[in-house]
């Protein structure tokens, strides 16, 4: 006799929205053991080009176009978002040990974002891998945010302490 098995639906881990973690006051008040990093977000400028009719087409009595219409282009720019300094929670420097950075590199390597040897040094390739991980979550920064470190499983969360 065959019995059908039903597997439990497993939810994928949630993806942190790091943009929600940004603080726009400078610098935020923090207590002991709370560290902050800062980043300057670039201005976002929109360029709009419009075509406007300069002269209409001219047709003869048979309806054939004798002179085509002409157009001119106007281009204008506007600032959609100003450049600003933002703050976000980050692991404190004393937490970024060789072991933690090696674990960070391993976690980024497992996600295909870091392709170098594990060095335990927060170098330029590690910073660029951190940026690629965080930019998908709303933070374009090579500095590791606390929320990203928690999502990667390299820094404990409040739930880990329970």
Protein backbone atom coordinates (compact mmCIF):
# COMPACT_ATOMS: atom_id res chain seq x y z
CA UNK A 1 0.00 0.00 0.00
CA UNK A 2 1.35 3.42 -0.97
CA UNK A 3 0.85 6.36 1.30
CA UNK A 4 1.23 9.93 0.09
CA UNK A 5 3.44 12.17 2.11
CA UNK A 6 2.97 15.86 2.31
CA UNK A 7 6.03 17.99 2.93
CA UNK A 8 5.80 21.05 5.10
CA UNK A 9 6.00 24.33 3.27
CA UNK A 10 9.17 26.12 4.26
CA UNK A 11 9.23 29.89 3.99
CA UNK A 12 12.42 31.35 2.57
CA UNK A 13 14.33 33.55 4.99
CA UNK A 14 13.18 37.14 4.95
CA UNK A 15 15.35 39.68 3.20
CA UNK A 16 16.21 42.73 5.27
CA UNK A 17 15.14 46.07 3.86
CA UNK A 18 18.23 48.04 4.82
CA UNK A 19 16.79 51.32 3.54
CA UNK A 20 14.31 51.09 6.43
CA UNK A 21 17.27 51.13 8.85
CA UNK A 22 18.64 54.48 7.63
CA UNK A 23 18.63 57.43 10.02
CA UNK A 24 18.78 60.90 8.57
CA UNK A 25 19.79 62.83 11.69
CA UNK A 26 23.48 63.21 12.26
CA UNK A 27 24.84 61.55 14.29
CA UNK A 28 22.19 59.48 16.06
CA UNK A 29 22.35 59.13 19.80
CA UNK A 30 23.66 55.75 20.84
CA UNK A 31 24.43 54.00 24.05
CA UNK A 32 27.24 51.71 25.05
CA UNK A 33 27.85 48.96 22.52
CA UNK A 34 25.92 50.75 19.76
CA UNK A 35 28.00 51.72 16.76
CA UNK A 36 26.98 53.70 13.70
CA UNK A 37 28.38 54.04 10.19
CA UNK A 38 27.67 56.82 7.75
CA UNK A 39 27.31 56.99 4.00
CA UNK A 40 26.53 59.82 1.59
CA UNK A 41 23.76 58.95 -0.81
CA UNK A 42 24.19 60.51 -4.26
CA UNK A 43 21.71 62.95 -5.69
CA UNK A 44 19.34 61.42 -8.22
CA UNK A 45 18.90 63.59 -11.29
CA UNK A 46 16.29 62.90 -13.94
CA UNK A 47 16.89 64.03 -17.51
CA UNK A 48 13.82 64.49 -19.70
CA UNK A 49 14.06 65.06 -23.45
CA UNK A 50 10.90 66.10 -25.29
CA UNK A 51 10.24 66.45 -28.99
CA UNK A 52 8.09 69.42 -29.96
CA UNK A 53 6.62 70.22 -33.35
CA UNK A 54 8.46 73.18 -34.93
CA UNK A 55 6.69 73.31 -38.31
CA UNK A 56 3.81 71.25 -39.63
CA UNK A 57 4.08 69.17 -42.77
CA UNK A 58 2.98 70.74 -46.03
CA UNK A 59 0.86 68.75 -48.48
CA UNK A 60 -0.06 69.47 -52.10
CA UNK A 61 -3.60 69.34 -53.48
CA UNK A 62 -3.28 65.57 -54.08
CA UNK A 63 -2.44 65.01 -50.40
CA UNK A 64 1.23 64.19 -50.97
CA UNK A 65 3.74 65.55 -48.44
CA UNK A 66 5.88 68.23 -50.08
CA UNK A 67 7.64 69.40 -46.95
CA UNK A 68 7.90 67.09 -43.96
CA UNK A 69 7.21 68.31 -40.46
CA UNK A 70 10.20 69.39 -38.40
CA UNK A 71 10.71 68.94 -34.70
CA UNK A 72 13.03 70.36 -32.09
CA UNK A 73 14.23 68.73 -28.90
CA UNK A 74 14.26 70.28 -25.46
CA UNK A 75 16.16 68.68 -22.64
CA UNK A 76 15.80 69.55 -18.98
CA UNK A 77 17.02 68.09 -15.74
CA UNK A 78 15.50 68.03 -12.29
CA UNK A 79 16.73 66.73 -8.97
CA UNK A 80 14.53 63.84 -7.87
CA UNK A 81 16.40 63.26 -4.60
CA UNK A 82 19.02 65.46 -2.98
CA UNK A 83 22.40 64.16 -1.87
CA UNK A 84 22.30 63.41 1.84
CA UNK A 85 24.27 61.88 4.67
CA UNK A 86 22.60 58.84 6.24
CA UNK A 87 23.51 56.80 9.29
CA UNK A 88 22.96 53.10 9.96
CA UNK A 89 23.78 50.65 12.73
CA UNK A 90 27.00 48.75 12.14
CA UNK A 91 29.00 46.13 13.98
CA UNK A 92 31.43 47.82 16.37
CA UNK A 93 35.10 47.72 15.31
CA UNK A 94 36.03 45.41 18.21
CA UNK A 95 33.49 42.88 16.90
CA UNK A 96 35.14 42.72 13.47
CA UNK A 97 37.75 40.14 14.44
CA UNK A 98 39.64 37.94 11.98
CA UNK A 99 37.17 35.13 12.74
CA UNK A 100 34.11 37.34 12.11
CA UNK A 101 35.53 38.73 8.85
CA UNK A 102 36.41 35.19 7.72
CA UNK A 103 32.83 34.14 8.48
CA UNK A 104 31.57 37.19 6.56
CA UNK A 105 33.73 36.25 3.56
CA UNK A 106 32.50 32.64 3.76
CA UNK A 107 28.84 33.78 3.88
CA UNK A 108 29.37 36.10 0.90
CA UNK A 109 31.24 33.35 -0.97
CA UNK A 110 28.32 30.94 -0.39
CA UNK A 111 26.06 33.51 -2.09
CA UNK A 112 28.45 33.93 -5.05
CA UNK A 113 29.40 37.49 -4.11
CA UNK A 114 32.99 36.92 -2.96
CA UNK A 115 35.37 34.87 -5.08
CA UNK A 116 38.71 35.30 -3.35
CA UNK A 117 40.48 33.25 -0.69
CA UNK A 118 39.30 33.67 2.90
CA UNK A 119 41.76 36.10 4.50
CA UNK A 120 39.96 37.41 7.56
CA UNK A 121 40.86 40.93 6.41
CA UNK A 122 38.15 43.45 5.54
CA UNK A 123 39.84 44.46 2.29
CA UNK A 124 38.57 46.04 -0.94
CA UNK A 125 37.22 42.77 -2.48
CA UNK A 126 35.34 42.07 0.78
CA UNK A 127 33.94 45.62 0.84
CA UNK A 128 32.74 45.32 -2.77
CA UNK A 129 31.07 41.98 -1.99
CA UNK A 130 29.36 43.60 1.01
CA UNK A 131 28.16 46.42 -1.28
CA UNK A 132 26.71 43.92 -3.78
CA UNK A 133 24.89 42.10 -0.96
CA UNK A 134 23.50 45.28 0.60
CA UNK A 135 22.54 47.19 -2.56
CA UNK A 136 19.85 44.59 -3.33
CA UNK A 137 18.41 45.42 0.10
CA UNK A 138 18.38 49.21 -0.27
CA UNK A 139 21.79 50.24 1.11
CA UNK A 140 24.51 51.13 -1.40
CA UNK A 141 27.49 51.01 0.96
CA UNK A 142 30.65 48.93 1.28
CA UNK A 143 30.41 49.30 5.06
CA UNK A 144 28.73 46.32 6.69
CA UNK A 145 25.43 47.19 8.36
CA UNK A 146 24.29 45.43 11.49
CA UNK A 147 21.08 44.25 9.79
CA UNK A 148 23.08 42.72 6.90
CA UNK A 149 25.46 41.05 9.36
CA UNK A 150 22.47 39.58 11.19
CA UNK A 151 20.86 38.40 7.95
CA UNK A 152 24.13 36.73 6.95
CA UNK A 153 24.20 35.02 10.35
CA UNK A 154 27.56 36.40 11.44
CA UNK A 155 26.31 38.65 14.25
CA UNK A 156 23.78 37.37 16.75
CA UNK A 157 20.27 38.78 16.84
CA UNK A 158 18.04 39.42 19.82
CA UNK A 159 16.38 36.03 19.14
CA UNK A 160 19.75 34.27 19.48
CA UNK A 161 20.02 35.44 23.09
CA UNK A 162 16.73 33.77 24.10
